[in-house]
Amino acid sequence: FSICFTGTGTGYLSSNREGGKGEDDIYSFMPSPPKTLVMTVVTKEKLDSNRVAILAGVNVQITDHENQAVTVTGGANQKYYATVDCNKEYVVKGTKEGYFTGEKVLTTSCTTRHDTVAVEVLLEKIVINKAIVLNNIYYDYDKWDIRPDAALELDKLVKILSENPGISIELGSHTDSRGKEKYNQTLSQKRAESAVAYIVSKGIASERITAKGYGESVPLNKCVDGVECTEEEYQLNRRTEFKVTSIGKK
């Protein structure tokens, strides 16, 4: 009894049903779980020391698993809105000149009564000649063949280059200090060239990417010739990096 509506399908009522706190209790009611959701997107910039800040002027695009575009509105205060379906996969992508494309993949769920889903898209500023380490790029001893686990990581770089067609990069390979300096230089160059060949085989134009072997010349720690280090310290120097060398028009 004493029903009171506060909106379409929402409100309050009184009842003496079992399970209450007293004899007559006040209950709220609302519609059953929604069939569609409002997706709210906030765009942010990745800063140094893992800090983030709101980023303005981002172009936000939302597509479903069939690559169908979803209408996006808003933009004020770096918030964007779209109506999306329940239990469906969406790709939310943010692009801005001078930044790496930011992307978030999610599947909507409507098992609760919440009618909104919040998404944060993070973009990182492109800095010329800033080295970015590709994790888990490993080679067998004394070899430069691209292993399946390394291919998975290089595929991520292929994706970056595909989504940012205006950039050209240098792919650099580094060794630890063990072994002869000249040998390490040659080995790292072959490994860099092998990685570049793999990326080009995935459809990236060869003129956009340069191979560079650094050997043991750019260590990240104290592990130079004559210094005894742990295997973990040596591994830190055995790395593959890329850095943007130029930004052209998309």
C-alpha atoms as a PDB file:
ATOM      1  CA  PHE A   1       0.000   0.000   0.000  1.00  0.00           C
ATOM      2  CA  SER A   2       0.889   3.744  -0.159  1.00  0.00           C
ATOM      3  CA  ILE A   3       2.634   3.427  -3.517  1.00  0.00           C
ATOM      4  CA  CYS A   4       4.645   6.465  -4.661  1.00  0.00           C
ATOM      5  CA  PHE A   5       6.198   6.783  -8.135  1.00  0.00           C
ATOM      6  CA  THR A   6       9.461   8.698  -8.550  1.00  0.00           C
ATOM      7  CA  GLY A   7       9.947   7.939 -12.252  1.00  0.00           C
ATOM      8  CA  THR A   8       9.105   5.495 -14.988  1.00  0.00           C
ATOM      9  CA  GLY A   9       8.929   2.172 -13.176  1.00  0.00           C
ATOM     10  CA  THR A  10      10.636   3.431 -10.014  1.00  0.00           C
ATOM     11  CA  GLY A  11       9.274   4.462  -6.645  1.00  0.00           C
ATOM     12  CA  TYR A  12       8.375   3.309  -3.139  1.00  0.00           C
ATOM     13  CA  LEU A  13       5.647   1.274  -1.463  1.00  0.00           C
ATOM     14  CA  SER A  14       4.777   0.062   2.012  1.00  0.00           C
ATOM     15  CA  SER A  15       4.310  -3.599   2.915  1.00  0.00           C
ATOM     16  CA  ASN A  16       4.016  -5.880   5.928  1.00  0.00           C
ATOM     17  CA  ARG A  17       5.506  -8.842   4.039  1.00  0.00           C
ATOM     18  CA  GLU A  18       7.815 -11.260   5.798  1.00  0.00           C
ATOM     19  CA  GLY A  19      11.504 -10.425   5.939  1.00  0.00           C
ATOM     20  CA  GLY A  20      11.098  -6.741   6.795  1.00  0.00           C
ATOM     21  CA  LYS A  21      12.577  -4.707   9.622  1.00  0.00           C
ATOM     22  CA  GLY A  22       9.274  -3.874  11.318  1.00  0.00           C
ATOM     23  CA  GLU A  23       5.533  -4.477  10.936  1.00  0.00           C
ATOM     24  CA  ASP A  24       5.048  -2.099   8.001  1.00  0.00           C
ATOM     25  CA  ASP A  25       8.185  -1.319   6.001  1.00  0.00           C
ATOM     26  CA  ILE A  26       9.054   0.995   3.104  1.00  0.00           C
ATOM     27  CA  TYR A  27      10.454  -0.685  -0.009  1.00  0.00           C
ATOM     28  CA  SER A  28      11.879   0.798  -3.188  1.00  0.00           C
ATOM     29  CA  PHE A  29      11.215  -0.722  -6.586  1.00  0.00           C
ATOM     30  CA  MET A  30      12.759  -0.363 -10.033  1.00  0.00           C
ATOM     31  CA  PRO A  31      12.605  -2.075 -13.438  1.00  0.00           C
ATOM     32  CA  SER A  32      14.125  -5.501 -13.950  1.00  0.00           C
ATOM     33  CA  PRO A  33      17.684  -5.661 -15.384  1.00  0.00           C
ATOM     34  CA  PRO A  34      17.987  -3.414 -18.458  1.00  0.00           C
ATOM     35  CA  LYS A  35      18.219  -4.591 -22.053  1.00  0.00           C
ATOM     36  CA  THR A  36      20.520  -1.731 -23.055  1.00  0.00           C
ATOM     37  CA  LEU A  37      23.180   0.252 -21.243  1.00  0.00           C
ATOM     38  CA  VAL A  38      24.598   3.738 -21.374  1.00  0.00           C
ATOM     39  CA  MET A  39      28.364   3.548 -21.888  1.00  0.00           C
ATOM     40  CA  THR A  40      30.307   6.484 -20.484  1.00  0.00           C
ATOM     41  CA  VAL A  41      33.865   6.939 -21.751  1.00  0.00           C
ATOM     42  CA  VAL A  42      36.528   9.096 -20.110  1.00  0.00           C
ATOM     43  CA  THR A  43      39.777   9.834 -21.966  1.00  0.00           C
ATOM     44  CA  LYS A  44      43.015  10.164 -20.021  1.00  0.00           C
ATOM     45  CA  GLU A  45      46.723  10.605 -20.704  1.00  0.00           C
ATOM     46  CA  LYS A  46      49.462   8.399 -19.277  1.00  0.00           C
ATOM     47  CA  LEU A  47      52.109  10.530 -17.588  1.00  0.00           C
ATOM     48  CA  ASP A  48      55.455   9.674 -16.010  1.00  0.00           C
ATOM     49  CA  SER A  49      55.593   7.655 -12.777  1.00  0.00           C
ATOM     50  CA  ASN A  50      52.327   5.868 -13.696  1.00  0.00           C
ATOM     51  CA  ARG A  51      50.293   9.025 -13.157  1.00  0.00           C
ATOM     52  CA  VAL A  52      47.313   9.869 -15.369  1.00  0.00           C
ATOM     53  CA  ALA A  53      45.445  13.058 -16.216  1.00  0.00           C
ATOM     54  CA  ILE A  54      42.304  13.969 -18.148  1.00  0.00           C
ATOM     55  CA  LEU A  55      43.053  14.376 -21.875  1.00  0.00           C
ATOM     56  CA  ALA A  56      40.952  16.685 -24.051  1.00  0.00           C
ATOM     57  CA  GLY A  57      40.343  16.650 -27.784  1.00  0.00           C
ATOM     58  CA  VAL A  58      40.290  12.867 -28.240  1.00  0.00           C
ATOM     59  CA  ASN A  59      38.314  11.276 -31.070  1.00  0.00           C
ATOM     60  CA  VAL A  60      36.385   8.359 -29.538  1.00  0.00           C
ATOM     61  CA  GLN A  61      35.061   5.505 -31.664  1.00  0.00           C
ATOM     62  CA  ILE A  62      33.046   2.497 -30.469  1.00  0.00           C
ATOM     63  CA  THR A  63      32.457  -0.616 -32.580  1.00  0.00           C
ATOM     64  CA  ASP A  64      30.818  -3.955 -31.829  1.00  0.00           C
ATOM     65  CA  HIS A  65      32.200  -7.423 -32.585  1.00  0.00           C
ATOM     66  CA  GLU A  66      30.834  -7.155 -36.130  1.00  0.00           C
ATOM     67  CA  ASN A  67      32.787  -3.910 -36.604  1.00  0.00           C
ATOM     68  CA  GLN A  68      29.579  -1.890 -36.706  1.00  0.00           C
ATOM     69  CA  ALA A  69      30.030   1.669 -35.448  1.00  0.00           C
ATOM     70  CA  VAL A  70      28.054   2.892 -32.446  1.00  0.00           C
ATOM     71  CA  THR A  71      26.912   6.521 -32.268  1.00  0.00           C
ATOM     72  CA  VAL A  72      29.001   8.502 -29.753  1.00  0.00           C
ATOM     73  CA  THR A  73      27.828  11.810 -28.278  1.00  0.00           C
ATOM     74  CA  GLY A  74      29.216  14.286 -25.768  1.00  0.00           C
ATOM     75  CA  GLY A  75      32.830  15.304 -25.447  1.00  0.00           C
ATOM     76  CA  ALA A  76      32.350  18.008 -22.832  1.00  0.00           C
ATOM     77  CA  ASN A  77      34.645  17.466 -19.831  1.00  0.00           C
ATOM     78  CA  GLN A  78      36.235  14.627 -21.812  1.00  0.00           C
ATOM     79  CA  LYS A  79      33.181  12.411 -21.247  1.00  0.00           C
ATOM     80  CA  TYR A  80      31.523  10.570 -24.110  1.00  0.00           C
ATOM     81  CA  TYR A  81      28.288   8.602 -24.188  1.00  0.00           C
ATOM     82  CA  ALA A  82      26.777   5.784 -26.250  1.00  0.00           C
ATOM     83  CA  THR A  83      23.862   3.369 -25.983  1.00  0.00           C
ATOM     84  CA  VAL A  84      25.031  -0.249 -26.174  1.00  0.00           C
ATOM     85  CA  ASP A  85      23.419  -3.677 -25.953  1.00  0.00           C
ATOM     86  CA  CYS A  86      23.725  -6.184 -23.145  1.00  0.00           C
ATOM     87  CA  ASN A  87      26.087  -9.149 -23.296  1.00  0.00           C
ATOM     88  CA  LYS A  88      27.938  -7.885 -26.349  1.00  0.00           C
ATOM     89  CA  GLU A  89      31.621  -7.229 -27.048  1.00  0.00           C
ATOM     90  CA  TYR A  90      32.709  -3.691 -27.885  1.00  0.00           C
ATOM     91  CA  VAL A  91      35.983  -2.047 -28.834  1.00  0.00           C
ATOM     92  CA  VAL A  92      36.410   1.502 -27.530  1.00  0.00           C
ATOM     93  CA  LYS A  93      39.191   3.382 -29.310  1.00  0.00           C
ATOM     94  CA  GLY A  94      40.605   6.851 -28.692  1.00  0.00           C
ATOM     95  CA  THR A  95      42.810   8.686 -31.190  1.00  0.00           C
ATOM     96  CA  LYS A  96      44.556  12.029 -31.059  1.00  0.00           C
ATOM     97  CA  GLU A  97      47.356  13.508 -33.148  1.00  0.00           C
ATOM     98  CA  GLY A  98      50.693  13.057 -31.407  1.00  0.00           C
ATOM     99  CA  TYR A  99      49.480  10.149 -29.225  1.00  0.00           C
ATOM    100  CA  PHE A 100      49.510   6.380 -29.518  1.00  0.00           C
ATOM    101  CA  THR A 101      46.005   5.044 -30.096  1.00  0.00           C
ATOM    102  CA  GLY A 102      44.304   3.961 -26.860  1.00  0.00           C
ATOM    103  CA  GLU A 103      41.997   0.955 -26.881  1.00  0.00           C
ATOM    104  CA  LYS A 104      39.775  -0.937 -24.457  1.00  0.00           C
ATOM    105  CA  VAL A 105      37.906  -4.161 -25.260  1.00  0.00           C
ATOM    106  CA  LEU A 106      35.017  -5.161 -23.016  1.00  0.00           C
ATOM    107  CA  THR A 107      31.871  -7.274 -22.934  1.00  0.00           C
ATOM    108  CA  THR A 108      28.784  -5.646 -21.445  1.00  0.00           C
ATOM    109  CA  SER A 109      26.818  -7.434 -18.744  1.00  0.00           C
ATOM    110  CA  CYS A 110      23.229  -6.781 -17.650  1.00  0.00           C
ATOM    111  CA  THR A 111      22.947  -9.154 -14.713  1.00  0.00           C
ATOM    112  CA  THR A 112      22.335  -6.247 -12.308  1.00  0.00           C
ATOM    113  CA  ARG A 113      19.989  -3.283 -12.396  1.00  0.00           C
ATOM    114  CA  HIS A 114      22.772  -0.818 -13.139  1.00  0.00           C
ATOM    115  CA  ASP A 115      22.068   0.862 -16.462  1.00  0.00           C
ATOM    116  CA  THR A 116      25.523   2.370 -17.103  1.00  0.00           C
ATOM    117  CA  VAL A 117      29.007   1.021 -17.757  1.00  0.00           C
ATOM    118  CA  ALA A 118      32.081   3.214 -17.277  1.00  0.00           C
ATOM    119  CA  VAL A 119      35.125   2.895 -19.548  1.00  0.00           C
ATOM    120  CA  GLU A 120      38.498   4.645 -19.239  1.00  0.00           C
ATOM    121  CA  VAL A 121      40.627   4.952 -22.373  1.00  0.00           C
ATOM    122  CA  LEU A 122      44.298   5.680 -21.749  1.00  0.00           C
ATOM    123  CA  LEU A 123      46.525   7.312 -24.377  1.00  0.00           C
ATOM    124  CA  GLU A 124      50.289   7.834 -24.277  1.00  0.00           C
ATOM    125  CA  LYS A 125      52.073  10.768 -25.858  1.00  0.00           C
ATOM    126  CA  ILE A 126      54.459   9.933 -28.690  1.00  0.00           C
ATOM    127  CA  VAL A 127      57.942  11.130 -27.752  1.00  0.00           C
ATOM    128  CA  ILE A 128      60.577  11.090 -30.495  1.00  0.00           C
ATOM    129  CA  ASN A 129      63.525   8.769 -29.687  1.00  0.00           C
ATOM    130  CA  LYS A 130      62.053   7.577 -26.374  1.00  0.00           C
ATOM    131  CA  ALA A 131      62.896   3.875 -25.987  1.00  0.00           C
ATOM    132  CA  ILE A 132      59.948   1.578 -25.243  1.00  0.00           C
ATOM    133  CA  VAL A 133      60.833  -1.967 -24.192  1.00  0.00           C
ATOM    134  CA  LEU A 134      58.969  -4.870 -25.794  1.00  0.00           C
ATOM    135  CA  ASN A 135      58.499  -7.425 -23.035  1.00  0.00           C
ATOM    136  CA  ASN A 136      59.147 -11.153 -23.431  1.00  0.00           C
ATOM    137  CA  ILE A 137      61.115 -10.999 -26.697  1.00  0.00           C
ATOM    138  CA  TYR A 138      63.418 -13.972 -26.207  1.00  0.00           C
ATOM    139  CA  TYR A 139      65.767 -15.779 -28.580  1.00  0.00           C
ATOM    140  CA  ASP A 140      67.370 -19.185 -28.340  1.00  0.00           C
ATOM    141  CA  TYR A 141      71.068 -19.144 -27.460  1.00  0.00           C
ATOM    142  CA  ASP A 142      73.251 -17.945 -30.327  1.00  0.00           C
ATOM    143  CA  LYS A 143      70.204 -17.669 -32.645  1.00  0.00           C
ATOM    144  CA  TRP A 144      68.052 -14.922 -34.084  1.00  0.00           C
ATOM    145  CA  ASP A 145      64.986 -16.856 -35.279  1.00  0.00           C
ATOM    146  CA  ILE A 146      61.632 -15.445 -34.143  1.00  0.00           C
ATOM    147  CA  ARG A 147      60.166 -17.886 -31.641  1.00  0.00           C
ATOM    148  CA  PRO A 148      56.363 -18.263 -31.262  1.00  0.00           C
ATOM    149  CA  ASP A 149      56.390 -16.463 -27.906  1.00  0.00           C
ATOM    150  CA  ALA A 150      58.360 -13.562 -29.395  1.00  0.00           C
ATOM    151  CA  ALA A 151      55.953 -13.426 -32.351  1.00  0.00           C
ATOM    152  CA  LEU A 152      53.066 -12.781 -29.956  1.00  0.00           C
ATOM    153  CA  GLU A 153      54.856  -9.721 -28.592  1.00  0.00           C
ATOM    154  CA  LEU A 154      55.898  -8.469 -32.029  1.00  0.00           C
ATOM    155  CA  ASP A 155      52.254  -8.735 -33.115  1.00  0.00           C
ATOM    156  CA  LYS A 156      51.501  -6.049 -30.525  1.00  0.00           C
ATOM    157  CA  LEU A 157      54.003  -3.757 -32.252  1.00  0.00           C
ATOM    158  CA  VAL A 158      52.393  -4.576 -35.605  1.00  0.00           C
ATOM    159  CA  LYS A 159      49.093  -3.440 -34.095  1.00  0.00           C
ATOM    160  CA  ILE A 160      50.651  -0.190 -32.853  1.00  0.00           C
ATOM    161  CA  LEU A 161      52.072   0.559 -36.297  1.00  0.00           C
ATOM    162  CA  SER A 162      48.761  -0.279 -37.978  1.00  0.00           C
ATOM    163  CA  GLU A 163      46.798   1.980 -35.638  1.00  0.00           C
ATOM    164  CA  ASN A 164      49.325   4.814 -35.894  1.00  0.00           C
ATOM    165  CA  PRO A 165      50.130   4.956 -39.630  1.00  0.00           C
ATOM    166  CA  GLY A 166      51.931   8.269 -39.347  1.00  0.00           C
ATOM    167  CA  ILE A 167      54.880   7.021 -37.309  1.00  0.00           C
ATOM    168  CA  SER A 168      58.206   5.502 -38.328  1.00  0.00           C
ATOM    169  CA  ILE A 169      60.290   3.582 -35.811  1.00  0.00           C
ATOM    170  CA  GLU A 170      63.676   2.102 -35.071  1.00  0.00           C
ATOM    171  CA  LEU A 171      63.673  -1.417 -33.639  1.00  0.00           C
ATOM    172  CA  GLY A 172      66.738  -1.988 -31.499  1.00  0.00           C
ATOM    173  CA  SER A 173      68.134  -5.232 -30.104  1.00  0.00           C
ATOM    174  CA  HIS A 174      70.461  -5.369 -27.096  1.00  0.00           C
ATOM    175  CA  THR A 175      72.602  -8.134 -25.572  1.00  0.00           C
ATOM    176  CA  ASP A 176      74.210  -8.522 -22.176  1.00  0.00           C
ATOM    177  CA  SER A 177      77.961  -8.048 -21.691  1.00  0.00           C
ATOM    178  CA  ARG A 178      78.897 -11.731 -21.803  1.00  0.00           C
ATOM    179  CA  GLY A 179      80.733 -12.768 -24.944  1.00  0.00           C
ATOM    180  CA  LYS A 180      82.939 -10.774 -27.287  1.00  0.00           C
ATOM    181  CA  GLU A 181      81.843  -7.219 -28.022  1.00  0.00           C
ATOM    182  CA  LYS A 182      82.041  -7.646 -31.800  1.00  0.00           C
ATOM    183  CA  TYR A 183      80.118 -10.912 -31.642  1.00  0.00           C
ATOM    184  CA  ASN A 184      77.373  -9.316 -29.532  1.00  0.00           C
ATOM    185  CA  GLN A 185      77.127  -6.441 -31.990  1.00  0.00           C
ATOM    186  CA  THR A 186      76.675  -8.827 -34.935  1.00  0.00           C
ATOM    187  CA  LEU A 187      74.195 -11.034 -33.057  1.00  0.00           C
ATOM    188  CA  SER A 188      72.044  -8.082 -31.979  1.00  0.00           C
ATOM    189  CA  GLN A 189      71.966  -6.697 -35.530  1.00  0.00           C
ATOM    190  CA  LYS A 190      70.798 -10.057 -36.902  1.00  0.00           C
ATOM    191  CA  ARG A 191      68.114 -10.278 -34.201  1.00  0.00           C
ATOM    192  CA  ALA A 192      66.883  -6.762 -34.958  1.00  0.00           C
ATOM    193  CA  GLU A 193      66.771  -7.513 -38.684  1.00  0.00           C
ATOM    194  CA  SER A 194      64.900 -10.753 -38.026  1.00  0.00           C
ATOM    195  CA  ALA A 195      62.285  -8.921 -35.938  1.00  0.00           C
ATOM    196  CA  VAL A 196      61.889  -6.238 -38.610  1.00  0.00           C
ATOM    197  CA  ALA A 197      61.466  -8.884 -41.312  1.00  0.00           C
ATOM    198  CA  TYR A 198      58.688 -10.470 -39.263  1.00  0.00           C
ATOM    199  CA  ILE A 199      56.900  -7.137 -38.852  1.00  0.00           C
ATOM    200  CA  VAL A 200      57.196  -6.352 -42.564  1.00  0.00           C
ATOM    201  CA  SER A 201      55.760  -9.812 -43.347  1.00  0.00           C
ATOM    202  CA  LYS A 202      52.620  -8.706 -41.483  1.00  0.00           C
ATOM    203  CA  GLY A 203      51.996  -5.879 -43.935  1.00  0.00           C
ATOM    204  CA  ILE A 204      53.932  -2.974 -42.433  1.00  0.00           C
ATOM    205  CA  ALA A 205      55.830  -0.944 -45.053  1.00  0.00           C
ATOM    206  CA  SER A 206      59.570  -1.583 -44.792  1.00  0.00           C
ATOM    207  CA  GLU A 207      60.425   2.117 -45.084  1.00  0.00           C
ATOM    208  CA  ARG A 208      58.621   2.742 -41.775  1.00  0.00           C
ATOM    209  CA  ILE A 209      60.926   0.590 -39.684  1.00  0.00           C
ATOM    210  CA  THR A 210      64.719   0.392 -39.282  1.00  0.00           C
ATOM    211  CA  ALA A 211      66.720  -2.407 -37.618  1.00  0.00           C
ATOM    212  CA  LYS A 212      69.517  -1.427 -35.247  1.00  0.00           C
ATOM    213  CA  GLY A 213      71.775  -3.756 -33.261  1.00  0.00           C
ATOM    214  CA  TYR A 214      73.368  -2.180 -30.188  1.00  0.00           C
ATOM    215  CA  GLY A 215      75.175  -5.239 -28.840  1.00  0.00           C
ATOM    216  CA  GLU A 216      76.246  -4.634 -25.242  1.00  0.00           C
ATOM    217  CA  SER A 217      76.874  -0.900 -25.683  1.00  0.00           C
ATOM    218  CA  VAL A 218      73.735   0.426 -23.884  1.00  0.00           C
ATOM    219  CA  PRO A 219      73.308  -1.449 -20.584  1.00  0.00           C
ATOM    220  CA  LEU A 220      70.499  -0.501 -18.203  1.00  0.00           C
ATOM    221  CA  ASN A 221      72.500  -1.383 -15.117  1.00  0.00           C
ATOM    222  CA  LYS A 222      76.043  -2.010 -13.821  1.00  0.00           C
ATOM    223  CA  CYS A 223      76.517  -5.251 -15.783  1.00  0.00           C
ATOM    224  CA  VAL A 224      79.405  -4.322 -18.088  1.00  0.00           C
ATOM    225  CA  ASP A 225      82.542  -6.322 -18.925  1.00  0.00           C
ATOM    226  CA  GLY A 226      84.322  -7.516 -15.793  1.00  0.00           C
ATOM    227  CA  VAL A 227      81.312  -7.113 -13.464  1.00  0.00           C
ATOM    228  CA  GLU A 228      79.688 -10.267 -12.062  1.00  0.00           C
ATOM    229  CA  CYS A 229      75.881 -10.090 -12.134  1.00  0.00           C
ATOM    230  CA  THR A 230      72.890 -12.280 -11.448  1.00  0.00           C
ATOM    231  CA  GLU A 231      70.955 -13.879 -14.301  1.00  0.00           C
ATOM    232  CA  GLU A 232      68.079 -11.464 -13.660  1.00  0.00           C
ATOM    233  CA  GLU A 233      70.447  -8.495 -14.015  1.00  0.00           C
ATOM    234  CA  TYR A 234      71.839  -9.875 -17.280  1.00  0.00           C
ATOM    235  CA  GLN A 235      68.311 -10.464 -18.574  1.00  0.00           C
ATOM    236  CA  LEU A 236      67.440  -6.807 -18.000  1.00  0.00           C
ATOM    237  CA  ASN A 237      70.031  -5.844 -20.607  1.00  0.00           C
ATOM    238  CA  ARG A 238      68.960  -8.539 -23.115  1.00  0.00           C
ATOM    239  CA  ARG A 239      66.044  -6.589 -24.488  1.00  0.00           C
ATOM    240  CA  THR A 240      64.282  -5.450 -27.626  1.00  0.00           C
ATOM    241  CA  GLU A 241      63.099  -1.844 -27.819  1.00  0.00           C
ATOM    242  CA  PHE A 242      61.452   0.424 -30.292  1.00  0.00           C
ATOM    243  CA  LYS A 243      61.446   4.193 -30.515  1.00  0.00           C
ATOM    244  CA  VAL A 244      59.564   6.548 -32.778  1.00  0.00           C
ATOM    245  CA  THR A 245      61.954   8.335 -35.113  1.00  0.00           C
ATOM    246  CA  SER A 246      59.457  10.525 -36.950  1.00  0.00           C
ATOM    247  CA  ILE A 247      55.777  11.401 -37.081  1.00  0.00           C
ATOM    248  CA  GLY A 248      54.247  12.086 -40.477  1.00  0.00           C
ATOM    249  CA  LYS A 249      50.690  12.827 -41.461  1.00  0.00           C
ATOM    250  CA  LYS A 250      48.222   9.977 -41.187  1.00  0.00           C
END
